[in-house]
Amino acid sequence: MDGDRRFAPTLILQKSDFAKKMVILLADGDSRKLMNSKRKLPFCTVFGLAVLYLSVCKSSLSQSAPVSVATSRDGRFKYEIFGKDDPGKPLLILLHGASGPSVGFYREQAEYFSSNGYTVFLPHYFDATKSSDPTMDNYHAWVNVVKTLLSEQRAPTGSAHRKSVLVGYSLGASVAVAAGSEEVPVDAIAEWYGSLPDDFFYHLQGMPPLLILHGERDYNIPVENAQQLIKLCGIKQFQCESHIYPDQGHGFSGAALKDADSRTLSFFSRSVQREEAQNDNGKSRKMQNR
């Protein structure tokens, strides 16, 4: 991938009361420890969106993945399929940001993951709401888009045991983490510069293995959101990895973008292989107990 490719950033202003949330989760000792640290802007309540489109350079991928369009069985939304929809390949659901699925960056990311062994679904999740406003009702509808895609893959006509991962960017990252908080059946999630919406925090059920990537200079979704997710992982003992890029803002470019892609691929590969090993061990134990 070209080093100067860059995400089209979205202006998202946020506020909330993180410390109050953490008291709900923590015993007194842990809550005092956390309350003593300063927090600025926590999980997202979003007041406005202003989309800025940046030019996108050519992708260095030698071949573009074939792209087809499908519609969910309930007719609520369309999704694009990058590469052949081979049930033998792991499925990657890519969630775009507020600028929508047509932005070149997301399509290049879809091609990148497709060229690295995944069947990529790019859902047009705004179809489910006819709006890109990040309200809690819309978040729930967007999470249901993810659940629908996964359910259709696990339906009798689909693959019952297909390995699946989820990657989201900005608003899409928030949707991904929200879906993870409801324990959607995926093997791993990578969230790039997103946050956990308030309602999903308060009703947190769990989280699949989570990769958190953020820029220190992000003023749209401040890095405190990533730091709070990291703390949440520690408190709840979720399996999480993270990296903060000191010279990046809202969106990665250059060496940081290449590194983020590499980290995401590695994290997904390890998570899928770990799940396969656990399934194999489970089958072996069942055979021994017969």
Protein backbone atom coordinates (compact mmCIF):
# COMPACT_ATOMS: atom_id res chain seq x y z
CA MET A 1 0.00 0.00 0.00
CA ASP A 2 1.23 3.50 -0.74
CA GLY A 3 2.65 5.18 2.32
CA ASP A 4 0.82 8.47 1.78
CA ARG A 5 -2.67 7.00 1.61
CA ARG A 6 -4.78 8.62 4.26
CA PHE A 7 -8.19 8.22 5.86
CA ALA A 8 -10.79 10.88 5.10
CA PRO A 9 -11.29 12.19 8.66
CA THR A 10 -14.59 13.00 10.24
CA LEU A 11 -15.05 15.73 12.82
CA ILE A 12 -16.64 14.19 15.91
CA LEU A 13 -16.92 16.09 19.17
CA GLN A 14 -17.51 14.05 22.28
CA LYS A 15 -18.24 14.38 25.95
CA SER A 16 -19.37 12.11 28.77
CA ASP A 17 -18.51 11.16 32.35
CA PHE A 18 -16.05 8.28 32.26
CA ALA A 19 -15.22 8.30 35.96
CA LYS A 20 -18.88 7.87 36.87
CA LYS A 21 -19.11 4.88 34.53
CA MET A 22 -16.09 3.20 36.01
CA VAL A 23 -17.51 3.36 39.53
CA ILE A 24 -20.26 1.07 38.29
CA LEU A 25 -17.70 -1.57 37.30
CA LEU A 26 -15.08 -1.33 40.00
CA ALA A 27 -14.74 -2.31 43.61
CA ASP A 28 -13.93 0.59 45.93
CA GLY A 29 -10.18 0.14 45.81
CA ASP A 30 -10.03 0.05 42.04
CA SER A 31 -12.48 2.91 41.65
CA ARG A 32 -10.42 5.19 43.92
CA LYS A 33 -7.33 4.37 41.92
CA LEU A 34 -9.07 5.21 38.66
CA MET A 35 -10.85 8.30 39.96
CA ASN A 36 -7.51 9.80 40.97
CA SER A 37 -6.41 9.94 37.32
CA LYS A 38 -7.58 12.85 35.17
CA ARG A 39 -9.89 12.18 32.25
CA LYS A 40 -10.94 14.62 29.57
CA LEU A 41 -13.31 13.36 26.90
CA PRO A 42 -14.67 9.82 27.32
CA PHE A 43 -17.04 7.62 25.39
CA CYS A 44 -18.99 9.14 22.65
CA THR A 45 -21.97 11.40 22.66
CA VAL A 46 -21.70 12.99 19.27
CA PHE A 47 -22.88 16.51 18.49
CA GLY A 48 -21.92 17.08 14.87
CA LEU A 49 -20.37 15.64 11.77
CA ALA A 50 -18.43 17.51 9.11
CA VAL A 51 -16.91 15.42 6.40
CA LEU A 52 -13.61 16.39 4.76
CA TYR A 53 -12.59 14.37 1.71
CA LEU A 54 -8.86 14.09 1.02
CA SER A 55 -7.28 12.90 -2.20
CA VAL A 56 -6.46 9.22 -2.34
CA CYS A 57 -3.32 7.95 -4.03
CA LYS A 58 -3.13 4.82 -6.13
CA SER A 59 -3.10 1.53 -4.31
CA SER A 60 0.02 -0.56 -4.64
CA LEU A 61 -2.06 -3.74 -4.89
CA SER A 62 -1.18 -5.41 -8.16
CA GLN A 63 -4.74 -6.66 -8.71
CA SER A 64 -8.11 -5.35 -7.62
CA ALA A 65 -10.36 -7.87 -5.96
CA PRO A 66 -13.59 -8.59 -7.86
CA VAL A 67 -16.48 -6.76 -6.22
CA SER A 68 -20.10 -7.89 -6.17
CA VAL A 69 -23.16 -6.45 -4.44
CA ALA A 70 -25.65 -8.40 -2.34
CA THR A 71 -28.69 -7.53 -0.24
CA SER A 72 -29.48 -8.87 3.22
CA ARG A 73 -32.26 -11.43 3.31
CA ASP A 74 -34.53 -9.01 5.13
CA GLY A 75 -33.85 -6.35 2.48
CA ARG A 76 -32.71 -3.75 5.02
CA PHE A 77 -29.26 -3.06 3.59
CA LYS A 78 -26.82 -3.80 0.80
CA TYR A 79 -23.27 -4.98 1.21
CA GLU A 80 -20.34 -5.31 -1.15
CA ILE A 81 -18.27 -8.47 -1.35
CA PHE A 82 -14.58 -8.07 -2.16
CA GLY A 83 -13.12 -11.25 -3.57
CA LYS A 84 -14.87 -14.57 -4.08
CA ASP A 85 -17.26 -15.40 -1.25
CA ASP A 86 -15.51 -18.63 -0.36
CA PRO A 87 -16.85 -20.20 2.88
CA GLY A 88 -13.44 -21.78 3.30
CA LYS A 89 -11.91 -18.35 3.82
CA PRO A 90 -12.35 -16.35 7.02
CA LEU A 91 -14.87 -13.53 6.75
CA LEU A 92 -13.88 -9.92 7.47
CA ILE A 93 -16.63 -7.34 7.95
CA LEU A 94 -15.29 -3.83 7.32
CA LEU A 95 -17.24 -0.91 8.84
CA HIS A 96 -16.69 2.45 7.16
CA GLY A 97 -16.69 5.82 8.89
CA ALA A 98 -19.22 8.65 8.70
CA SER A 99 -18.13 9.60 5.18
CA GLY A 100 -19.72 6.43 3.82
CA PRO A 101 -18.66 3.29 1.96
CA SER A 102 -17.76 4.99 -1.34
CA VAL A 103 -14.64 6.71 0.04
CA GLY A 104 -11.52 5.34 -1.63
CA PHE A 105 -9.70 4.60 1.61
CA TYR A 106 -12.25 2.03 2.77
CA ARG A 107 -12.30 0.35 -0.61
CA GLU A 108 -8.51 0.13 -0.64
CA GLN A 109 -8.60 -1.35 2.84
CA ALA A 110 -11.16 -3.90 1.67
CA GLU A 111 -8.91 -4.84 -1.25
CA TYR A 112 -5.91 -5.05 1.06
CA PHE A 113 -7.59 -7.54 3.39
CA SER A 114 -9.05 -9.45 0.44
CA SER A 115 -5.55 -9.84 -1.00
CA ASN A 116 -4.43 -11.25 2.36
CA GLY A 117 -6.78 -14.21 2.52
CA TYR A 118 -10.14 -12.81 3.66
CA THR A 119 -13.52 -12.57 2.04
CA VAL A 120 -14.44 -8.96 2.82
CA PHE A 121 -17.97 -7.69 3.35
CA LEU A 122 -18.43 -3.92 3.24
CA PRO A 123 -21.96 -3.31 4.55
CA HIS A 124 -23.78 -0.08 3.68
CA TYR A 125 -25.03 0.10 7.23
CA PHE A 126 -26.52 3.58 6.85
CA ASP A 127 -29.18 1.86 4.69
CA ALA A 128 -30.68 0.49 7.90
CA THR A 129 -31.32 3.97 9.31
CA LYS A 130 -31.45 6.24 6.24
CA SER A 131 -29.29 8.52 8.36
CA SER A 132 -25.67 8.83 9.46
CA ASP A 133 -26.54 10.61 12.71
CA PRO A 134 -24.76 8.82 15.58
CA THR A 135 -27.78 8.54 17.86
CA MET A 136 -28.12 5.60 20.22
CA ASP A 137 -31.09 4.30 18.22
CA ASN A 138 -28.96 4.35 15.10
CA TYR A 139 -26.06 2.64 16.85
CA HIS A 140 -28.38 -0.20 17.82
CA ALA A 141 -29.63 -0.46 14.24
CA TRP A 142 -26.06 -0.52 12.91
CA VAL A 143 -25.04 -3.21 15.38
CA ASN A 144 -28.02 -5.23 14.15
CA VAL A 145 -26.61 -4.96 10.62
CA VAL A 146 -23.45 -6.69 11.86
CA LYS A 147 -25.51 -9.33 13.67
CA THR A 148 -27.60 -9.93 10.56
CA LEU A 149 -24.55 -10.47 8.35
CA LEU A 150 -23.07 -12.91 10.83
CA SER A 151 -26.39 -14.70 11.31
CA GLU A 152 -26.79 -15.16 7.57
CA GLN A 153 -23.31 -16.67 7.39
CA ARG A 154 -24.25 -19.13 10.12
CA ALA A 155 -27.64 -19.99 8.68
CA PRO A 156 -28.21 -23.52 7.30
CA THR A 157 -27.37 -22.33 3.78
CA GLY A 158 -24.18 -20.70 5.02
CA SER A 159 -21.14 -21.93 6.90
CA ALA A 160 -21.94 -22.87 10.49
CA HIS A 161 -18.35 -22.54 11.68
CA ARG A 162 -16.93 -19.78 9.49
CA LYS A 163 -14.17 -17.78 11.12
CA SER A 164 -15.12 -14.10 11.25
CA VAL A 165 -13.41 -10.86 12.24
CA LEU A 166 -14.52 -7.24 12.39
CA VAL A 167 -12.60 -4.05 11.60
CA GLY A 168 -13.99 -0.52 11.92
CA TYR A 169 -12.75 3.00 11.31
CA SER A 170 -13.83 6.08 13.30
CA LEU A 171 -17.65 5.87 13.51
CA GLY A 172 -17.38 2.33 12.14
CA ALA A 173 -14.92 1.49 14.92
CA SER A 174 -17.48 2.66 17.46
CA VAL A 175 -20.08 0.41 15.83
CA ALA A 176 -17.59 -2.48 15.93
CA VAL A 177 -16.84 -2.03 19.63
CA ALA A 178 -20.55 -1.60 20.37
CA ALA A 179 -21.21 -4.90 18.60
CA GLY A 180 -18.37 -6.49 20.55
CA SER A 181 -19.89 -5.31 23.82
CA GLU A 182 -22.93 -7.43 22.96
CA GLU A 183 -20.67 -10.42 22.30
CA VAL A 184 -21.30 -10.79 18.59
CA PRO A 185 -19.88 -14.15 17.42
CA VAL A 186 -16.60 -12.97 15.89
CA ASP A 187 -13.09 -14.19 16.62
CA ALA A 188 -11.57 -10.70 16.91
CA ILE A 189 -12.22 -6.98 16.47
CA ALA A 190 -9.83 -4.23 15.36
CA GLU A 191 -10.98 -0.71 16.13
CA TRP A 192 -9.15 2.20 14.51
CA TYR A 193 -9.65 5.55 16.29
CA GLY A 194 -13.13 4.89 17.64
CA SER A 195 -14.85 4.74 21.04
CA LEU A 196 -17.50 2.79 22.94
CA PRO A 197 -20.94 4.50 22.81
CA ASP A 198 -22.46 5.26 26.20
CA ASP A 199 -25.48 2.96 26.06
CA PHE A 200 -23.33 -0.02 25.17
CA PHE A 201 -20.95 0.75 28.01
CA TYR A 202 -23.76 0.71 30.56
CA HIS A 203 -25.05 -2.62 29.22
CA LEU A 204 -21.65 -4.20 28.63
CA GLN A 205 -21.90 -7.99 28.26
CA GLY A 206 -18.39 -8.89 27.15
CA MET A 207 -15.86 -8.34 24.36
CA PRO A 208 -14.13 -10.57 21.80
CA PRO A 209 -10.33 -10.19 21.49
CA LEU A 210 -9.86 -6.49 20.74
CA LEU A 211 -7.10 -4.50 19.00
CA ILE A 212 -7.14 -0.77 19.85
CA LEU A 213 -5.28 1.61 17.51
CA HIS A 214 -5.37 5.39 17.97
CA GLY A 215 -3.42 8.57 17.26
CA GLU A 216 -2.04 10.67 20.12
CA ARG A 217 -2.92 13.83 18.16
CA ASP A 218 -6.51 12.86 17.43
CA TYR A 219 -8.69 15.86 18.29
CA ASN A 220 -11.87 14.45 16.73
CA ILE A 221 -12.13 11.32 18.85
CA PRO A 222 -9.49 12.10 21.49
CA VAL A 223 -6.95 9.49 22.50
CA GLU A 224 -8.50 9.37 25.99
CA ASN A 225 -11.18 7.15 24.45
CA ALA A 226 -8.54 4.56 23.54
CA GLN A 227 -6.91 4.87 26.96
CA GLN A 228 -10.25 4.25 28.63
CA LEU A 229 -10.90 1.20 26.48
CA ILE A 230 -7.48 -0.12 27.47
CA LYS A 231 -8.34 0.38 31.15
CA LEU A 232 -11.71 -1.28 30.64
CA CYS A 233 -9.97 -4.31 29.14
CA GLY A 234 -7.76 -4.56 32.22
CA ILE A 235 -10.63 -4.13 34.65
CA LYS A 236 -12.84 -6.72 32.94
CA GLN A 237 -9.91 -8.97 31.98
CA PHE A 238 -10.75 -8.86 28.30
CA GLN A 239 -8.10 -9.98 25.85
CA CYS A 240 -6.88 -6.73 24.28
CA GLU A 241 -3.86 -5.33 22.49
CA SER A 242 -3.25 -1.67 21.76
CA HIS A 243 -0.91 0.81 20.14
CA ILE A 244 -0.96 4.60 20.28
CA TYR A 245 0.79 6.43 17.41
CA PRO A 246 2.42 9.57 18.87
CA ASP A 247 2.56 11.49 15.57
CA GLN A 248 -0.88 10.58 14.17
CA GLY A 249 -4.22 12.36 14.32
CA HIS A 250 -7.66 11.14 13.28
CA GLY A 251 -6.59 8.75 10.55
CA PHE A 252 -3.23 7.16 9.83
CA SER A 253 -0.81 7.81 6.99
CA GLY A 254 2.66 6.81 5.87
CA ALA A 255 4.53 4.32 8.02
CA ALA A 256 1.80 4.40 10.67
CA LEU A 257 -0.81 3.20 8.18
CA LYS A 258 1.41 0.33 7.05
CA ASP A 259 2.10 -0.57 10.67
CA ALA A 260 -1.61 -0.47 11.56
CA ASP A 261 -2.43 -2.75 8.64
CA SER A 262 0.32 -5.16 9.69
CA ARG A 263 -0.79 -5.17 13.33
CA THR A 264 -4.38 -5.79 12.31
CA LEU A 265 -3.51 -8.72 10.04
CA SER A 266 -1.27 -10.26 12.69
CA PHE A 267 -3.89 -9.85 15.42
CA PHE A 268 -6.61 -11.40 13.29
CA SER A 269 -4.39 -14.30 12.22
CA ARG A 270 -3.42 -15.13 15.80
CA SER A 271 -7.01 -14.83 17.03
CA VAL A 272 -8.41 -17.09 14.31
CA GLN A 273 -5.68 -19.68 14.83
CA ARG A 274 -6.24 -19.61 18.59
CA GLU A 275 -9.95 -20.23 18.11
CA GLU A 276 -9.24 -23.09 15.72
CA ALA A 277 -6.85 -24.67 18.23
CA GLN A 278 -9.44 -24.37 21.01
CA ASN A 279 -12.08 -25.99 18.79
CA ASP A 280 -9.71 -28.83 17.91
CA ASN A 281 -8.93 -29.40 21.60
CA GLY A 282 -12.63 -29.44 22.41
CA LYS A 283 -13.31 -32.04 19.72
CA SER A 284 -10.42 -34.15 20.98
CA ARG A 285 -11.76 -34.11 24.55
CA LYS A 286 -15.22 -35.14 23.35
CA MET A 287 -13.75 -38.08 21.46
CA GLN A 288 -11.77 -39.18 24.53
CA ASN A 289 -14.88 -39.04 26.72
CA ARG A 290 -16.87 -41.36 24.45
